[in-house]
């Protein structure tokens, strides 16, 4: 499995987590369990931040792949992506 496939899997897992958290927040709010809902809200915030990092990393991988298709070496871009 290549790095881009792994990245897509991470993105899909994060999206599923975000969806589950959103549903749980609504359910907890209906039950008036606002303290737990607030905790899940923070978890949701963290997941959204992680999703944004993954999106940026995927964008960099796409740039590197495009440069490689054009016959240009993209070692610098790949190194930056790996460090991200």
PDB file of N, CA and C in Angstrom:
ATOM      1  N   UNK A   1       0.856  -1.178   0.000  1.00  0.00           N
ATOM      2  CA  UNK A   1       0.000   0.000   0.000  1.00  0.00           C
ATOM      3  C   UNK A   1       0.904   1.244   0.000  1.00  0.00           C
ATOM      4  N   UNK A   2       0.621   2.159  -0.903  1.00  0.00           N
ATOM      5  CA  UNK A   2       1.473   3.341  -0.966  1.00  0.00           C
ATOM      6  C   UNK A   2       1.003   4.422   0.016  1.00  0.00           C
ATOM      7  N   UNK A   3       1.806   5.456   0.123  1.00  0.00           N
ATOM      8  CA  UNK A   3       1.549   6.513   1.103  1.00  0.00           C
ATOM      9  C   UNK A   3       0.223   7.225   0.851  1.00  0.00           C
ATOM     10  N   UNK A   4      -0.115   7.419  -0.400  1.00  0.00           N
ATOM     11  CA  UNK A   4      -1.365   8.123  -0.718  1.00  0.00           C
ATOM     12  C   UNK A   4      -2.578   7.290  -0.310  1.00  0.00           C
ATOM     13  N   UNK A   5      -2.517   5.977  -0.502  1.00  0.00           N
ATOM     14  CA  UNK A   5      -3.617   5.104  -0.072  1.00  0.00           C
ATOM     15  C   UNK A   5      -3.775   5.150   1.449  1.00  0.00           C
ATOM     16  N   UNK A   6      -2.648   5.113   2.161  1.00  0.00           N
ATOM     17  CA  UNK A   6      -2.690   5.186   3.617  1.00  0.00           C
ATOM     18  C   UNK A   6      -3.297   6.509   4.066  1.00  0.00           C
ATOM     19  N   UNK A   7      -2.922   7.565   3.378  1.00  0.00           N
ATOM     20  CA  UNK A   7      -3.450   8.883   3.696  1.00  0.00           C
ATOM     21  C   UNK A   7      -4.959   8.936   3.468  1.00  0.00           C
ATOM     22  N   UNK A   8      -5.418   8.361   2.362  1.00  0.00           N
ATOM     23  CA  UNK A   8      -6.861   8.313   2.091  1.00  0.00           C
ATOM     24  C   UNK A   8      -7.601   7.515   3.161  1.00  0.00           C
ATOM     25  N   UNK A   9      -6.996   6.432   3.630  1.00  0.00           N
ATOM     26  CA  UNK A   9      -7.614   5.644   4.701  1.00  0.00           C
ATOM     27  C   UNK A   9      -7.706   6.459   5.987  1.00  0.00           C
ATOM     28  N   UNK A  10      -6.655   7.198   6.306  1.00  0.00           N
ATOM     29  CA  UNK A  10      -6.680   8.049   7.497  1.00  0.00           C
ATOM     30  C   UNK A  10      -7.776   9.104   7.385  1.00  0.00           C
ATOM     31  N   UNK A  11      -7.896   9.686   6.204  1.00  0.00           N
ATOM     32  CA  UNK A  11      -8.936  10.697   5.979  1.00  0.00           C
ATOM     33  C   UNK A  11     -10.315  10.079   6.162  1.00  0.00           C
ATOM     34  N   UNK A  12     -10.532   8.899   5.602  1.00  0.00           N
ATOM     35  CA  UNK A  12     -11.831   8.243   5.730  1.00  0.00           C
ATOM     36  C   UNK A  12     -12.151   7.894   7.181  1.00  0.00           C
ATOM     37  N   UNK A  13     -11.140   7.449   7.932  1.00  0.00           N
ATOM     38  CA  UNK A  13     -11.354   7.155   9.357  1.00  0.00           C
ATOM     39  C   UNK A  13     -11.705   8.419  10.135  1.00  0.00           C
ATOM     40  N   UNK A  14     -11.021   9.504   9.814  1.00  0.00           N
ATOM     41  CA  UNK A  14     -11.282  10.768  10.505  1.00  0.00           C
ATOM     42  C   UNK A  14     -12.682  11.277  10.174  1.00  0.00           C
ATOM     43  N   UNK A  15     -13.086  11.138   8.914  1.00  0.00           N
ATOM     44  CA  UNK A  15     -14.444  11.547   8.524  1.00  0.00           C
ATOM     45  C   UNK A  15     -15.502  10.732   9.255  1.00  0.00           C
ATOM     46  N   UNK A  16     -15.275   9.430   9.396  1.00  0.00           N
ATOM     47  CA  UNK A  16     -16.217   8.577  10.128  1.00  0.00           C
ATOM     48  C   UNK A  16     -16.285   8.985  11.589  1.00  0.00           C
ATOM     49  N   UNK A  17     -15.139   9.307  12.159  1.00  0.00           N
ATOM     50  CA  UNK A  17     -15.086   9.746  13.545  1.00  0.00           C
ATOM     51  C   UNK A  17     -15.862  11.053  13.725  1.00  0.00           C
ATOM     52  N   UNK A  18     -15.672  11.978  12.794  1.00  0.00           N
ATOM     53  CA  UNK A  18     -16.372  13.264  12.854  1.00  0.00           C
ATOM     54  C   UNK A  18     -17.877  13.056  12.781  1.00  0.00           C
ATOM     55  N   UNK A  19     -18.290  12.189  11.886  1.00  0.00           N
ATOM     56  CA  UNK A  19     -19.721  11.906  11.749  1.00  0.00           C
ATOM     57  C   UNK A  19     -20.281  11.306  13.039  1.00  0.00           C
ATOM     58  N   UNK A  20     -19.572  10.335  13.605  1.00  0.00           N
ATOM     59  CA  UNK A  20     -20.019   9.708  14.852  1.00  0.00           C
ATOM     60  C   UNK A  20     -20.096  10.721  15.998  1.00  0.00           C
ATOM     61  N   UNK A  21     -19.093  11.579  16.084  1.00  0.00           N
ATOM     62  CA  UNK A  21     -19.090  12.586  17.151  1.00  0.00           C
ATOM     63  C   UNK A  21     -20.252  13.564  16.993  1.00  0.00           C
ATOM     64  N   UNK A  22     -20.522  13.978  15.774  1.00  0.00           N
ATOM     65  CA  UNK A  22     -21.632  14.909  15.537  1.00  0.00           C
ATOM     66  C   UNK A  22     -22.961  14.286  15.952  1.00  0.00           C
ATOM     67  N   UNK A  23     -23.144  13.034  15.603  1.00  0.00           N
ATOM     68  CA  UNK A  23     -24.385  12.332  15.985  1.00  0.00           C
ATOM     69  C   UNK A  23     -24.475  12.217  17.503  1.00  0.00           C
ATOM     70  N   UNK A  24     -23.350  11.867  18.125  1.00  0.00           N
ATOM     71  CA  UNK A  24     -23.354  11.711  19.581  1.00  0.00           C
ATOM     72  C   UNK A  24     -23.636  13.038  20.288  1.00  0.00           C
ATOM     73  N   UNK A  25     -23.091  14.135  19.770  1.00  0.00           N
ATOM     74  CA  UNK A  25     -23.344  15.446  20.367  1.00  0.00           C
ATOM     75  C   UNK A  25     -24.828  15.772  20.334  1.00  0.00           C
ATOM     76  N   UNK A  26     -25.474  15.500  19.218  1.00  0.00           N
ATOM     77  CA  UNK A  26     -26.913  15.770  19.096  1.00  0.00           C
ATOM     78  C   UNK A  26     -27.695  14.910  20.086  1.00  0.00           C
ATOM     79  N   UNK A  27     -27.347  13.621  20.165  1.00  0.00           N
ATOM     80  CA  UNK A  27     -28.055  12.727  21.080  1.00  0.00           C
ATOM     81  C   UNK A  27     -27.865  13.168  22.528  1.00  0.00           C
ATOM     82  N   UNK A  28     -26.640  13.515  22.904  1.00  0.00           N
ATOM     83  CA  UNK A  28     -26.370  13.960  24.270  1.00  0.00           C
ATOM     84  C   UNK A  28     -27.093  15.267  24.576  1.00  0.00           C
ATOM     85  N   UNK A  29     -27.174  16.142  23.603  1.00  0.00           N
ATOM     86  CA  UNK A  29     -27.876  17.409  23.795  1.00  0.00           C
ATOM     87  C   UNK A  29     -29.354  17.182  24.036  1.00  0.00           C
ATOM     88  N   UNK A  30     -29.949  16.240  23.308  1.00  0.00           N
ATOM     89  CA  UNK A  30     -31.364  15.923  23.510  1.00  0.00           C
ATOM     90  C   UNK A  30     -31.609  15.349  24.902  1.00  0.00           C
ATOM     91  N   UNK A  31     -30.610  14.644  25.422  1.00  0.00           N
ATOM     92  CA  UNK A  31     -30.713  14.080  26.769  1.00  0.00           C
ATOM     93  C   UNK A  31     -30.321  15.088  27.852  1.00  0.00           C
ATOM     94  N   UNK A  32     -29.956  16.289  27.408  1.00  0.00           N
ATOM     95  CA  UNK A  32     -29.504  17.358  28.301  1.00  0.00           C
ATOM     96  C   UNK A  32     -28.240  16.989  29.075  1.00  0.00           C
ATOM     97  N   UNK A  33     -27.427  16.140  28.482  1.00  0.00           N
ATOM     98  CA  UNK A  33     -26.138  15.775  29.071  1.00  0.00           C
ATOM     99  C   UNK A  33     -25.072  16.680  28.459  1.00  0.00           C
ATOM    100  N   UNK A  34     -25.178  17.948  28.819  1.00  0.00           N
ATOM    101  CA  UNK A  34     -24.358  18.969  28.170  1.00  0.00           C
ATOM    102  C   UNK A  34     -22.879  18.882  28.543  1.00  0.00           C
ATOM    103  N   UNK A  35     -22.567  18.378  29.719  1.00  0.00           N
ATOM    104  CA  UNK A  35     -21.156  18.276  30.095  1.00  0.00           C
ATOM    105  C   UNK A  35     -20.423  17.288  29.186  1.00  0.00           C
ATOM    106  N   UNK A  36     -21.040  16.145  28.935  1.00  0.00           N
ATOM    107  CA  UNK A  36     -20.433  15.153  28.046  1.00  0.00           C
ATOM    108  C   UNK A  36     -20.454  15.673  26.601  1.00  0.00           C
ATOM    109  N   UNK A  37     -21.531  16.357  26.227  1.00  0.00           N
ATOM    110  CA  UNK A  37     -21.625  16.930  24.875  1.00  0.00           C
ATOM    111  C   UNK A  37     -20.498  17.934  24.645  1.00  0.00           C
ATOM    112  N   UNK A  38     -20.162  18.713  25.671  1.00  0.00           N
ATOM    113  CA  UNK A  38     -19.060  19.670  25.554  1.00  0.00           C
ATOM    114  C   UNK A  38     -17.733  18.948  25.328  1.00  0.00           C
ATOM    115  N   UNK A  39     -17.534  17.836  26.015  1.00  0.00           N
ATOM    116  CA  UNK A  39     -16.315  17.047  25.820  1.00  0.00           C
ATOM    117  C   UNK A  39     -16.246  16.524  24.385  1.00  0.00           C
ATOM    118  N   UNK A  40     -17.376  16.023  23.885  1.00  0.00           N
ATOM    119  CA  UNK A  40     -17.408  15.516  22.515  1.00  0.00           C
ATOM    120  C   UNK A  40     -17.198  16.640  21.508  1.00  0.00           C
ATOM    121  N   UNK A  41     -17.669  17.836  21.867  1.00  0.00           N
ATOM    122  CA  UNK A  41     -17.453  18.996  21.007  1.00  0.00           C
ATOM    123  C   UNK A  41     -15.956  19.268  20.867  1.00  0.00           C
ATOM    124  N   UNK A  42     -15.207  19.154  21.963  1.00  0.00           N
ATOM    125  CA  UNK A  42     -13.759  19.338  21.900  1.00  0.00           C
ATOM    126  C   UNK A  42     -13.114  18.231  21.058  1.00  0.00           C
ATOM    127  N   UNK A  43     -13.608  17.002  21.231  1.00  0.00           N
ATOM    128  CA  UNK A  43     -13.110  15.892  20.407  1.00  0.00           C
ATOM    129  C   UNK A  43     -13.379  16.156  18.922  1.00  0.00           C
ATOM    130  N   UNK A  44     -14.561  16.686  18.638  1.00  0.00           N
ATOM    131  CA  UNK A  44     -14.930  17.016  17.262  1.00  0.00           C
ATOM    132  C   UNK A  44     -13.993  18.094  16.707  1.00  0.00           C
ATOM    133  N   UNK A  45     -13.730  19.096  17.502  1.00  0.00           N
ATOM    134  CA  UNK A  45     -12.808  20.160  17.106  1.00  0.00           C
ATOM    135  C   UNK A  45     -11.426  19.582  16.775  1.00  0.00           C
ATOM    136  N   UNK A  46     -10.938  18.700  17.629  1.00  0.00           N
ATOM    137  CA  UNK A  46      -9.637  18.072  17.403  1.00  0.00           C
ATOM    138  C   UNK A  46      -9.629  17.233  16.119  1.00  0.00           C
ATOM    139  N   UNK A  47     -10.713  16.509  15.884  1.00  0.00           N
ATOM    140  CA  UNK A  47     -10.817  15.698  14.671  1.00  0.00           C
ATOM    141  C   UNK A  47     -10.841  16.568  13.419  1.00  0.00           C
ATOM    142  N   UNK A  48     -11.536  17.694  13.494  1.00  0.00           N
ATOM    143  CA  UNK A  48     -11.570  18.608  12.352  1.00  0.00           C
ATOM    144  C   UNK A  48     -10.186  19.188  12.075  1.00  0.00           C
ATOM    145  N   UNK A  49      -9.442  19.501  13.125  1.00  0.00           N
ATOM    146  CA  UNK A  49      -8.077  19.984  12.928  1.00  0.00           C
ATOM    147  C   UNK A  49      -7.202  18.903  12.292  1.00  0.00           C
ATOM    148  N   UNK A  50      -7.358  17.671  12.760  1.00  0.00           N
ATOM    149  CA  UNK A  50      -6.592  16.563  12.188  1.00  0.00           C
ATOM    150  C   UNK A  50      -6.953  16.353  10.723  1.00  0.00           C
ATOM    151  N   UNK A  51      -8.237  16.467  10.403  1.00  0.00           N
ATOM    152  CA  UNK A  51      -8.682  16.321   9.013  1.00  0.00           C
ATOM    153  C   UNK A  51      -8.043  17.394   8.131  1.00  0.00           C
ATOM    154  N   UNK A  52      -7.950  18.605   8.630  1.00  0.00           N
ATOM    155  CA  UNK A  52      -7.329  19.685   7.866  1.00  0.00           C
ATOM    156  C   UNK A  52      -5.852  19.388   7.616  1.00  0.00           C
ATOM    157  N   UNK A  53      -5.151  18.854   8.611  1.00  0.00           N
ATOM    158  CA  UNK A  53      -3.740  18.482   8.427  1.00  0.00           C
ATOM    159  C   UNK A  53      -3.605  17.393   7.369  1.00  0.00           C
ATOM    160  N   UNK A  54      -4.496  16.416   7.421  1.00  0.00           N
ATOM    161  CA  UNK A  54      -4.458  15.335   6.437  1.00  0.00           C
ATOM    162  C   UNK A  54      -4.762  15.856   5.033  1.00  0.00           C
ATOM    163  N   UNK A  55      -5.687  16.791   4.940  1.00  0.00           N
ATOM    164  CA  UNK A  55      -6.027  17.382   3.643  1.00  0.00           C
ATOM    165  C   UNK A  55      -4.817  18.103   3.050  1.00  0.00           C
ATOM    166  N   UNK A  56      -4.114  18.870   3.882  1.00  0.00           N
ATOM    167  CA  UNK A  56      -2.923  19.576   3.396  1.00  0.00           C
ATOM    168  C   UNK A  56      -1.835  18.593   2.969  1.00  0.00           C
ATOM    169  N   UNK A  57      -1.675  17.529   3.755  1.00  0.00           N
ATOM    170  CA  UNK A  57      -0.667  16.519   3.410  1.00  0.00           C
ATOM    171  C   UNK A  57      -1.013  15.861   2.075  1.00  0.00           C
ATOM    172  N   UNK A  58      -2.298  15.562   1.873  1.00  0.00           N
ATOM    173  CA  UNK A  58      -2.724  14.942   0.616  1.00  0.00           C
ATOM    174  C   UNK A  58      -2.485  15.895  -0.556  1.00  0.00           C
ATOM    175  N   UNK A  59      -2.735  17.158  -0.340  1.00  0.00           N
ATOM    176  CA  UNK A  59      -2.503  18.150  -1.386  1.00  0.00           C
ATOM    177  C   UNK A  59      -1.022  18.180  -1.778  1.00  0.00           C
ATOM    178  N   UNK A  60      -0.138  18.123  -0.787  1.00  0.00           N
ATOM    179  CA  UNK A  60       1.292  18.108  -1.085  1.00  0.00           C
ATOM    180  C   UNK A  60       1.691  16.846  -1.835  1.00  0.00           C
ATOM    181  N   UNK A  61       1.113  15.701  -1.434  1.00  0.00           N
ATOM    182  CA  UNK A  61       1.410  14.454  -2.154  1.00  0.00           C
ATOM    183  C   UNK A  61       0.941  14.550  -3.598  1.00  0.00           C
ATOM    184  N   UNK A  62      -0.185  15.181  -3.818  1.00  0.00           N
ATOM    185  CA  UNK A  62      -0.702  15.339  -5.179  1.00  0.00           C
ATOM    186  C   UNK A  62       0.237  16.205  -6.017  1.00  0.00           C
ATOM    187  N   UNK A  63       0.768  17.248  -5.393  1.00  0.00           N
ATOM    188  CA  UNK A  63       1.723  18.108  -6.099  1.00  0.00           C
ATOM    189  C   UNK A  63       2.966  17.305  -6.474  1.00  0.00           C
ATOM    190  N   UNK A  64       3.461  16.515  -5.529  1.00  0.00           N
ATOM    191  CA  UNK A  64       4.646  15.699  -5.791  1.00  0.00           C
ATOM    192  C   UNK A  64       4.378  14.697  -6.914  1.00  0.00           C
ATOM    193  N   UNK A  65       3.210  14.076  -6.888  1.00  0.00           N
ATOM    194  CA  UNK A  65       2.858  13.101  -7.924  1.00  0.00           C
ATOM    195  C   UNK A  65       2.773  13.777  -9.293  1.00  0.00           C
ATOM    196  N   UNK A  66       2.188  14.953  -9.342  1.00  0.00           N
ATOM    197  CA  UNK A  66       2.078  15.686 -10.604  1.00  0.00           C
ATOM    198  C   UNK A  66       3.458  16.066 -11.136  1.00  0.00           C
ATOM    199  N   UNK A  67       4.325  16.516 -10.261  1.00  0.00           N
ATOM    200  CA  UNK A  67       5.687  16.859 -10.684  1.00  0.00           C
ATOM    201  C   UNK A  67       6.421  15.631 -11.210  1.00  0.00           C
ATOM    202  N   UNK A  68       6.219  14.496 -10.557  1.00  0.00           N
ATOM    203  CA  UNK A  68       6.843  13.257 -11.027  1.00  0.00           C
ATOM    204  C   UNK A  68       6.327  12.861 -12.402  1.00  0.00           C
ATOM    205  N   UNK A  69       5.032  13.058 -12.633  1.00  0.00           N
ATOM    206  CA  UNK A  69       4.470  12.755 -13.948  1.00  0.00           C
ATOM    207  C   UNK A  69       5.076  13.640 -15.035  1.00  0.00           C
ATOM    208  N   UNK A  70       5.440  14.841 -14.645  1.00  0.00           N
ATOM    209  CA  UNK A  70       6.058  15.768 -15.591  1.00  0.00           C
ATOM    210  C   UNK A  70       7.561  15.505 -15.752  1.00  0.00           C
ATOM    211  N   UNK A  71       8.056  14.500 -15.033  1.00  0.00           N
ATOM    212  CA  UNK A  71       9.462  14.157 -15.136  1.00  0.00           C
ATOM    213  C   UNK A  71      10.370  14.978 -14.253  1.00  0.00           C
ATOM    214  N   UNK A  72       9.778  15.686 -13.319  1.00  0.00           N
ATOM    215  CA  UNK A  72      10.574  16.504 -12.403  1.00  0.00           C
ATOM    216  C   UNK A  72      10.725  15.770 -11.085  1.00  0.00           C
ATOM    217  N   UNK A  73      11.884  15.883 -10.507  1.00  0.00           N
ATOM    218  CA  UNK A  73      12.109  15.271  -9.196  1.00  0.00           C
ATOM    219  C   UNK A  73      11.410  16.112  -8.140  1.00  0.00           C
ATOM    220  N   UNK A  74      10.702  15.456  -7.254  1.00  0.00           N
ATOM    221  CA  UNK A  74       9.935  16.167  -6.223  1.00  0.00           C
ATOM    222  C   UNK A  74      10.362  15.715  -4.836  1.00  0.00           C
ATOM    223  N   UNK A  75      11.640  15.459  -4.672  1.00  0.00           N
ATOM    224  CA  UNK A  75      12.135  14.968  -3.385  1.00  0.00           C
ATOM    225  C   UNK A  75      11.878  15.965  -2.255  1.00  0.00           C
ATOM    226  N   UNK A  76      12.023  17.237  -2.540  1.00  0.00           N
ATOM    227  CA  UNK A  76      11.803  18.252  -1.500  1.00  0.00           C
ATOM    228  C   UNK A  76      10.356  18.239  -1.048  1.00  0.00           C
ATOM    229  N   UNK A  77       9.425  18.195  -1.980  1.00  0.00           N
ATOM    230  CA  UNK A  77       8.006  18.168  -1.628  1.00  0.00           C
ATOM    231  C   UNK A  77       7.694  16.920  -0.842  1.00  0.00           C
ATOM    232  N   UNK A  78       8.226  15.757  -1.263  1.00  0.00           N
ATOM    233  CA  UNK A  78       7.971  14.516  -0.545  1.00  0.00           C
ATOM    234  C   UNK A  78       8.519  14.594   0.866  1.00  0.00           C
ATOM    235  N   UNK A  79       9.679  15.177   1.047  1.00  0.00           N
ATOM    236  CA  UNK A  79      10.285  15.298   2.367  1.00  0.00           C
ATOM    237  C   UNK A  79       9.411  16.177   3.265  1.00  0.00           C
ATOM    238  N   UNK A  80       8.905  17.272   2.740  1.00  0.00           N
ATOM    239  CA  UNK A  80       8.030  18.158   3.506  1.00  0.00           C
ATOM    240  C   UNK A  80       6.768  17.421   3.914  1.00  0.00           C
ATOM    241  N   UNK A  81       6.198  16.642   3.003  1.00  0.00           N
ATOM    242  CA  UNK A  81       4.985  15.889   3.300  1.00  0.00           C
ATOM    243  C   UNK A  81       5.257  14.889   4.416  1.00  0.00           C
ATOM    244  N   UNK A  82       6.368  14.186   4.351  1.00  0.00           N
ATOM    245  CA  UNK A  82       6.685  13.196   5.368  1.00  0.00           C
ATOM    246  C   UNK A  82       6.876  13.847   6.727  1.00  0.00           C
ATOM    247  N   UNK A  83       7.381  15.061   6.753  1.00  0.00           N
ATOM    248  CA  UNK A  83       7.603  15.759   8.011  1.00  0.00           C
ATOM    249  C   UNK A  83       6.310  16.336   8.569  1.00  0.00           C
ATOM    250  N   UNK A  84       5.316  16.567   7.711  1.00  0.00           N
ATOM    251  CA  UNK A  84       4.059  17.179   8.141  1.00  0.00           C
ATOM    252  C   UNK A  84       3.270  16.262   9.039  1.00  0.00           C
TER     253      UNK A  84
END
